[in-house]
Amino acid sequence: MKSTVKLAVALAATLFVTPALAQDKITLSLATWGASSHPQVKTYAKVFMDEVVKRTNGKVEWKYFPDDTMVKQAFVPSAIPGGQVDISLTTLDNWVGRVPQVAITASPLWTLTMDQAQAELQPGKPLFQHFEQLLAKQNTKLLSLFDIGAPALFSKFDARDPASLKGHTLRAYSKGASQSLQALGAAPVTMGVADVYSALQRGAIDGALGGLQGAYGLKHYEVTQYALGTGGVLGALINGYVMNRRSFERLPDDVKKAVLESTQVALDVTNKELAESYQRYLDDTRKHGLEVSELKPGTPERAAWEAALKDYREKIKGEFPADTVSLVTSVH
């Protein structure tokens, strides 16, 4: 009888302990899109998730959704505030429908070099805080931002002369990028990165503006003949990671701390790899038989693009709030 009582007590204790242990575990979801070989995915996502697990002693577990399986690039601005996923890779300019100020990153007004952007977009810096406060109004916690380099134009025609864009249907990655291409006479089509290869292959578009690393990883060199590194004349591709704000605020303080510390570790490693790899990606693209050019400062091609965009640049300066323009243009 005593043995039976002891067994019953032990079983009861187990029933109470197990839920408590289960409650100690926190499951977070993270989604990425685009090429899995891109440093913003291959490096950042892995380092970030591993660091969070390590810093929480395994308290946090991950559900990882790569390759557009949970969220496509264009839908992040609705998926994150709506809680479809906790954390996602994003392109800042994709938030233009909710936060118009972010379009400045994909415009000729954004003249920061990659080195300058990496410094000014560190968490806590005024430019980062500016975007952080804007996204906070969208139930979104901005975790990190990084410059993946000047957009590259993969095309079926030589685009070194800006006049050559007139009449061509070109993929743009955001509204801001579309407006810049339209100012040069192109017919832009905003399209998610996952749809670009087939559109180029079918001839639905004549070229695609987007991240160099992603275009290479998705083999756009197989369906184009030219690649142009735009050198910053069309702004930059500012990507990063965002989190549902309520999901972040519900975390215990120690897990919040781990998430933010892990963000910094992943950001530092990714920034270093992005800076070192941009020219390598251009060289590798050339090895696939494409004619590769870059709009470098001091060259006639660069001067022609800047001249072609001069009126548009002046026009849009008044379309952004003065504080946004000042934060961007005051960086030297």
Protein backbone atom coordinates (compact mmCIF):
# COMPACT_ATOMS: atom_id res chain seq x y z
CA MET A 1 0.00 0.00 0.00
CA LYS A 2 2.82 2.38 0.95
CA SER A 3 4.53 1.65 -2.38
CA THR A 4 1.34 2.50 -4.23
CA VAL A 5 1.01 5.81 -2.36
CA LYS A 6 4.65 6.71 -3.06
CA LEU A 7 4.18 5.94 -6.75
CA ALA A 8 1.05 8.09 -6.89
CA VAL A 9 2.87 10.98 -5.21
CA ALA A 10 5.79 10.64 -7.63
CA LEU A 11 3.47 10.66 -10.64
CA ALA A 12 1.64 13.71 -9.32
CA ALA A 13 4.94 15.51 -8.84
CA THR A 14 5.90 14.69 -12.40
CA LEU A 15 2.66 16.13 -13.71
CA PHE A 16 3.39 19.42 -11.98
CA VAL A 17 7.09 19.60 -12.91
CA THR A 18 6.77 18.80 -16.60
CA PRO A 19 4.60 21.81 -17.53
CA ALA A 20 6.92 24.06 -15.56
CA LEU A 21 9.88 22.79 -17.56
CA ALA A 22 7.94 23.19 -20.79
CA GLN A 23 7.14 26.78 -19.90
CA ASP A 24 10.87 27.51 -19.59
CA LYS A 25 11.24 26.95 -23.33
CA ILE A 26 10.53 29.83 -25.69
CA THR A 27 9.97 29.16 -29.38
CA LEU A 28 10.67 31.97 -31.83
CA SER A 29 10.19 31.89 -35.60
CA LEU A 30 12.52 33.48 -38.13
CA ALA A 31 11.93 33.81 -41.88
CA THR A 32 14.27 34.68 -44.74
CA TRP A 33 13.84 35.06 -48.49
CA GLY A 34 16.12 35.25 -51.50
CA ALA A 35 19.37 33.38 -52.07
CA SER A 36 20.42 31.18 -49.14
CA SER A 37 24.05 31.79 -50.12
CA HIS A 38 23.70 35.53 -49.44
CA PRO A 39 25.65 36.72 -46.36
CA GLN A 40 22.46 38.29 -44.98
CA VAL A 41 21.02 34.78 -44.77
CA LYS A 42 23.87 32.29 -44.68
CA THR A 43 25.92 34.28 -42.17
CA TYR A 44 23.54 36.57 -40.29
CA ALA A 45 20.67 34.16 -39.65
CA LYS A 46 22.92 31.31 -38.51
CA VAL A 47 25.11 33.45 -36.25
CA PHE A 48 22.11 35.23 -34.75
CA MET A 49 20.11 32.09 -33.97
CA ASP A 50 23.14 30.23 -32.60
CA GLU A 51 24.08 33.18 -30.38
CA VAL A 52 20.56 33.47 -28.95
CA VAL A 53 20.50 29.77 -28.10
CA LYS A 54 23.93 30.01 -26.50
CA ARG A 55 23.20 33.17 -24.50
CA THR A 56 19.91 31.76 -23.16
CA ASN A 57 21.42 28.36 -22.33
CA GLY A 58 19.02 26.68 -24.73
CA LYS A 59 15.90 28.37 -23.38
CA VAL A 60 15.09 29.69 -26.87
CA GLU A 61 14.27 27.25 -29.66
CA TRP A 62 13.92 28.26 -33.30
CA LYS A 63 11.49 27.55 -36.10
CA TYR A 64 13.39 28.61 -39.21
CA PHE A 65 11.67 29.28 -42.54
CA PRO A 66 14.22 30.01 -45.32
CA ASP A 67 13.80 30.55 -49.08
CA ASP A 68 10.44 32.39 -49.09
CA THR A 69 8.72 29.40 -47.44
CA MET A 70 6.94 31.55 -44.84
CA VAL A 71 7.22 35.17 -46.01
CA LYS A 72 8.08 36.68 -49.37
CA GLN A 73 10.19 39.83 -49.55
CA ALA A 74 7.33 42.19 -50.44
CA PHE A 75 5.00 40.87 -47.72
CA VAL A 76 7.27 41.38 -44.70
CA PRO A 77 5.71 44.80 -43.86
CA SER A 78 2.37 43.08 -43.24
CA ALA A 79 3.64 39.74 -41.92
CA ILE A 80 5.70 41.20 -39.07
CA PRO A 81 3.14 43.66 -37.62
CA GLY A 82 0.47 40.99 -38.05
CA GLY A 83 2.46 38.37 -36.15
CA GLN A 84 2.66 35.83 -38.98
CA VAL A 85 6.29 35.33 -37.99
CA ASP A 86 8.33 36.71 -35.07
CA ILE A 87 11.45 37.83 -36.96
CA SER A 88 12.19 38.31 -40.64
CA LEU A 89 14.78 39.56 -43.06
CA THR A 90 13.55 42.72 -44.76
CA THR A 91 14.47 45.41 -47.27
CA LEU A 92 13.89 48.75 -45.57
CA ASP A 93 12.46 50.40 -48.68
CA ASN A 94 9.74 47.72 -48.88
CA TRP A 95 8.08 49.52 -45.93
CA VAL A 96 7.41 52.63 -48.04
CA GLY A 97 3.64 51.98 -48.09
CA ARG A 98 3.56 52.29 -44.29
CA VAL A 99 6.65 54.45 -43.69
CA PRO A 100 7.23 56.77 -46.69
CA GLN A 101 10.51 58.12 -45.29
CA VAL A 102 12.35 54.83 -45.92
CA ALA A 103 12.24 55.46 -49.69
CA ILE A 104 15.20 57.79 -49.25
CA THR A 105 17.51 54.78 -49.00
CA ALA A 106 16.69 53.73 -52.57
CA SER A 107 16.99 57.22 -54.01
CA PRO A 108 19.86 59.38 -55.32
CA LEU A 109 19.67 61.32 -52.04
CA TRP A 110 21.29 58.36 -50.26
CA THR A 111 24.97 59.05 -50.91
CA LEU A 112 26.51 57.14 -47.99
CA THR A 113 29.30 54.76 -48.88
CA MET A 114 29.10 51.23 -47.53
CA ASP A 115 31.62 52.13 -44.81
CA GLN A 116 29.60 55.19 -43.81
CA ALA A 117 26.35 53.24 -43.78
CA GLN A 118 27.83 50.49 -41.65
CA ALA A 119 28.91 53.11 -39.11
CA GLU A 120 25.73 55.21 -39.14
CA LEU A 121 23.30 52.27 -39.08
CA GLN A 122 24.66 50.80 -35.87
CA PRO A 123 21.96 50.38 -33.20
CA GLY A 124 21.91 53.49 -31.05
CA LYS A 125 23.17 55.86 -33.75
CA PRO A 126 20.82 58.73 -34.74
CA LEU A 127 20.09 57.42 -38.25
CA PHE A 128 19.27 53.94 -36.95
CA GLN A 129 17.12 55.40 -34.17
CA HIS A 130 15.23 57.48 -36.73
CA PHE A 131 14.15 54.38 -38.66
CA GLU A 132 13.65 52.46 -35.41
CA GLN A 133 11.13 55.02 -34.15
CA LEU A 134 9.28 55.05 -37.48
CA LEU A 135 8.92 51.26 -37.55
CA ALA A 136 7.90 51.14 -33.88
CA LYS A 137 4.64 52.81 -34.90
CA GLN A 138 3.99 49.74 -37.08
CA ASN A 139 4.18 47.25 -34.19
CA THR A 140 7.71 46.44 -35.35
CA LYS A 141 10.99 46.27 -33.46
CA LEU A 142 13.94 47.12 -35.68
CA LEU A 143 16.78 44.79 -34.75
CA SER A 144 19.44 45.58 -37.35
CA LEU A 145 20.20 47.35 -40.62
CA PHE A 146 23.06 46.76 -43.03
CA ASP A 147 24.13 48.06 -46.43
CA ILE A 148 24.48 45.08 -48.77
CA GLY A 149 26.08 47.29 -51.42
CA ALA A 150 24.96 49.38 -54.34
CA PRO A 151 22.21 47.73 -56.40
CA ALA A 152 23.34 45.89 -59.51
CA LEU A 153 21.50 45.92 -62.82
CA PHE A 154 21.58 42.56 -64.60
CA SER A 155 20.31 43.13 -68.13
CA LYS A 156 20.10 41.95 -71.71
CA PHE A 157 21.47 45.28 -72.96
CA ASP A 158 24.46 47.48 -72.16
CA ALA A 159 23.24 49.93 -69.50
CA ARG A 160 26.38 51.99 -68.93
CA ASP A 161 24.74 54.95 -70.68
CA PRO A 162 21.67 56.01 -68.65
CA ALA A 163 19.89 56.95 -71.89
CA SER A 164 19.91 53.26 -72.83
CA LEU A 165 17.31 52.51 -70.13
CA LYS A 166 14.56 54.39 -71.94
CA GLY A 167 11.69 52.13 -72.92
CA HIS A 168 13.11 49.01 -71.27
CA THR A 169 11.00 47.04 -68.81
CA LEU A 170 13.10 46.59 -65.68
CA ARG A 171 12.47 44.86 -62.40
CA ALA A 172 12.70 47.07 -59.33
CA TYR A 173 12.79 45.77 -55.76
CA SER A 174 10.73 48.57 -54.23
CA LYS A 175 8.70 51.69 -54.90
CA GLY A 176 11.70 53.95 -54.33
CA ALA A 177 13.83 51.99 -56.79
CA SER A 178 10.96 52.06 -59.30
CA GLN A 179 10.72 55.84 -59.11
CA SER A 180 14.45 56.25 -59.74
CA LEU A 181 14.31 53.98 -62.79
CA GLN A 182 11.23 55.78 -64.07
CA ALA A 183 13.09 59.09 -63.81
CA LEU A 184 15.57 57.66 -66.31
CA GLY A 185 12.84 56.70 -68.77
CA ALA A 186 12.61 53.00 -67.94
CA ALA A 187 9.36 51.11 -67.42
CA PRO A 188 9.83 49.64 -63.92
CA VAL A 189 7.94 46.65 -62.56
CA THR A 190 8.13 45.97 -58.82
CA MET A 191 8.77 42.27 -58.41
CA GLY A 192 9.84 39.95 -55.60
CA VAL A 193 13.27 38.41 -55.90
CA ALA A 194 11.90 34.89 -56.25
CA ASP A 195 10.13 35.77 -59.52
CA VAL A 196 13.01 37.52 -61.30
CA TYR A 197 14.81 34.57 -62.91
CA SER A 198 11.74 33.26 -64.72
CA ALA A 199 10.73 36.78 -65.82
CA LEU A 200 14.17 37.31 -67.35
CA GLN A 201 14.10 33.87 -68.92
CA ARG A 202 10.68 34.45 -70.51
CA GLY A 203 11.60 37.92 -71.73
CA ALA A 204 8.92 39.53 -69.58
CA ILE A 205 11.57 41.99 -68.39
CA ASP A 206 14.77 43.27 -70.01
CA GLY A 207 16.74 43.56 -66.80
CA ALA A 208 16.57 43.49 -63.02
CA LEU A 209 17.82 45.92 -60.41
CA GLY A 210 18.59 44.36 -57.06
CA GLY A 211 21.24 43.08 -54.70
CA LEU A 212 24.39 41.81 -56.38
CA GLN A 213 24.89 38.89 -54.01
CA GLY A 214 21.30 37.72 -54.35
CA ALA A 215 21.31 38.03 -58.14
CA TYR A 216 24.48 35.96 -58.29
CA GLY A 217 23.15 33.35 -55.88
CA LEU A 218 19.95 33.02 -57.92
CA LYS A 219 22.01 32.70 -61.14
CA HIS A 220 20.71 35.73 -63.00
CA TYR A 221 23.92 35.50 -65.02
CA GLU A 222 22.36 32.54 -66.85
CA VAL A 223 19.63 34.70 -68.40
CA THR A 224 21.40 38.06 -68.95
CA GLN A 225 24.45 39.35 -70.79
CA TYR A 226 25.42 42.47 -68.82
CA ALA A 227 25.85 43.44 -65.17
CA LEU A 228 26.27 46.99 -63.93
CA GLY A 229 27.30 47.91 -60.39
CA THR A 230 25.49 51.21 -59.91
CA GLY A 231 28.02 52.57 -57.42
CA GLY A 232 25.44 54.35 -55.27
CA VAL A 233 23.93 56.69 -57.87
CA LEU A 234 20.56 55.00 -57.29
CA GLY A 235 20.98 54.79 -53.53
CA ALA A 236 21.71 51.59 -51.67
CA LEU A 237 20.04 48.37 -50.68
CA ILE A 238 19.53 48.70 -46.95
CA ASN A 239 18.36 45.39 -45.55
CA GLY A 240 18.04 44.15 -42.01
CA TYR A 241 16.03 42.13 -39.53
CA VAL A 242 12.78 43.15 -37.88
CA MET A 243 10.70 41.61 -35.11
CA ASN A 244 7.06 41.76 -34.13
CA ARG A 245 7.12 44.35 -31.36
CA ARG A 246 4.67 42.57 -29.08
CA SER A 247 6.65 39.34 -29.45
CA PHE A 248 9.78 41.19 -28.34
CA GLU A 249 8.11 42.96 -25.42
CA ARG A 250 6.64 39.70 -24.09
CA LEU A 251 10.08 38.14 -23.77
CA PRO A 252 11.70 37.88 -20.32
CA ASP A 253 14.34 40.54 -19.75
CA ASP A 254 17.22 38.08 -20.00
CA VAL A 255 15.99 36.85 -23.38
CA LYS A 256 15.50 40.41 -24.65
CA LYS A 257 19.09 41.10 -23.66
CA ALA A 258 20.26 37.95 -25.45
CA VAL A 259 18.37 38.89 -28.62
CA LEU A 260 19.91 42.37 -28.73
CA GLU A 261 23.42 41.15 -27.94
CA SER A 262 23.13 38.41 -30.55
CA THR A 263 21.92 40.99 -33.06
CA GLN A 264 25.14 42.96 -32.61
CA VAL A 265 27.34 39.88 -32.98
CA ALA A 266 25.56 38.82 -36.18
CA LEU A 267 25.62 42.37 -37.53
CA ASP A 268 29.37 42.77 -37.03
CA VAL A 269 30.18 39.47 -38.74
CA THR A 270 27.79 40.13 -41.63
CA ASN A 271 29.01 43.69 -42.22
CA LYS A 272 32.57 42.43 -42.48
CA GLU A 273 31.60 39.75 -44.98
CA LEU A 274 29.48 42.14 -47.06
CA ALA A 275 32.33 44.65 -47.31
CA GLU A 276 34.82 41.99 -48.35
CA SER A 277 32.59 40.13 -50.80
CA TYR A 278 31.07 42.82 -53.07
CA GLN A 279 34.00 43.04 -55.50
CA ARG A 280 34.40 39.28 -55.37
CA TYR A 281 30.81 38.83 -56.53
CA LEU A 282 31.44 41.22 -59.42
CA ASP A 283 34.53 39.23 -60.40
CA ASP A 284 32.67 35.93 -60.15
CA THR A 285 29.87 37.32 -62.32
CA ARG A 286 32.45 38.23 -64.95
CA LYS A 287 33.73 34.64 -64.91
CA HIS A 288 30.29 33.49 -66.06
CA GLY A 289 30.74 35.40 -69.31
CA LEU A 290 28.86 38.61 -68.55
CA GLU A 291 30.21 42.02 -69.47
CA VAL A 292 30.56 43.61 -66.04
CA SER A 293 30.92 47.35 -65.43
CA GLU A 294 30.82 49.59 -62.37
CA LEU A 295 29.92 53.27 -62.04
CA LYS A 296 33.04 54.41 -60.21
CA PRO A 297 33.57 58.02 -59.08
CA GLY A 298 35.52 60.10 -61.59
CA THR A 299 34.51 58.09 -64.65
CA PRO A 300 32.54 59.51 -67.62
CA GLU A 301 29.86 56.84 -67.13
CA ARG A 302 29.32 57.87 -63.51
CA ALA A 303 29.16 61.55 -64.47
CA ALA A 304 26.53 60.77 -67.12
CA TRP A 305 24.31 58.97 -64.59
CA GLU A 306 24.66 61.75 -62.03
CA ALA A 307 23.74 64.35 -64.66
CA ALA A 308 20.73 62.31 -65.77
CA LEU A 309 19.47 62.10 -62.17
CA LYS A 310 20.24 65.68 -61.12
CA ASP A 311 16.76 67.13 -61.70
CA TYR A 312 15.07 64.13 -60.09
CA ARG A 313 17.35 64.38 -57.07
CA GLU A 314 16.42 68.02 -56.53
CA LYS A 315 12.74 67.28 -57.05
CA ILE A 316 12.48 64.57 -54.41
CA LYS A 317 14.47 66.46 -51.80
CA GLY A 318 11.33 68.37 -50.88
CA GLU A 319 9.22 65.21 -50.70
CA PHE A 320 10.93 63.88 -47.58
CA PRO A 321 10.72 65.34 -44.07
CA ALA A 322 13.57 67.73 -43.33
CA ASP A 323 14.85 65.63 -40.41
CA THR A 324 15.15 62.52 -42.61
CA VAL A 325 17.03 64.41 -45.33
CA SER A 326 19.30 66.07 -42.79
CA LEU A 327 20.26 62.79 -41.11
CA VAL A 328 21.20 61.28 -44.48
CA THR A 329 22.89 64.22 -46.20
CA SER A 330 24.87 65.41 -43.17
CA VAL A 331 27.06 62.29 -43.15
CA HIS A 332 30.55 62.96 -44.50
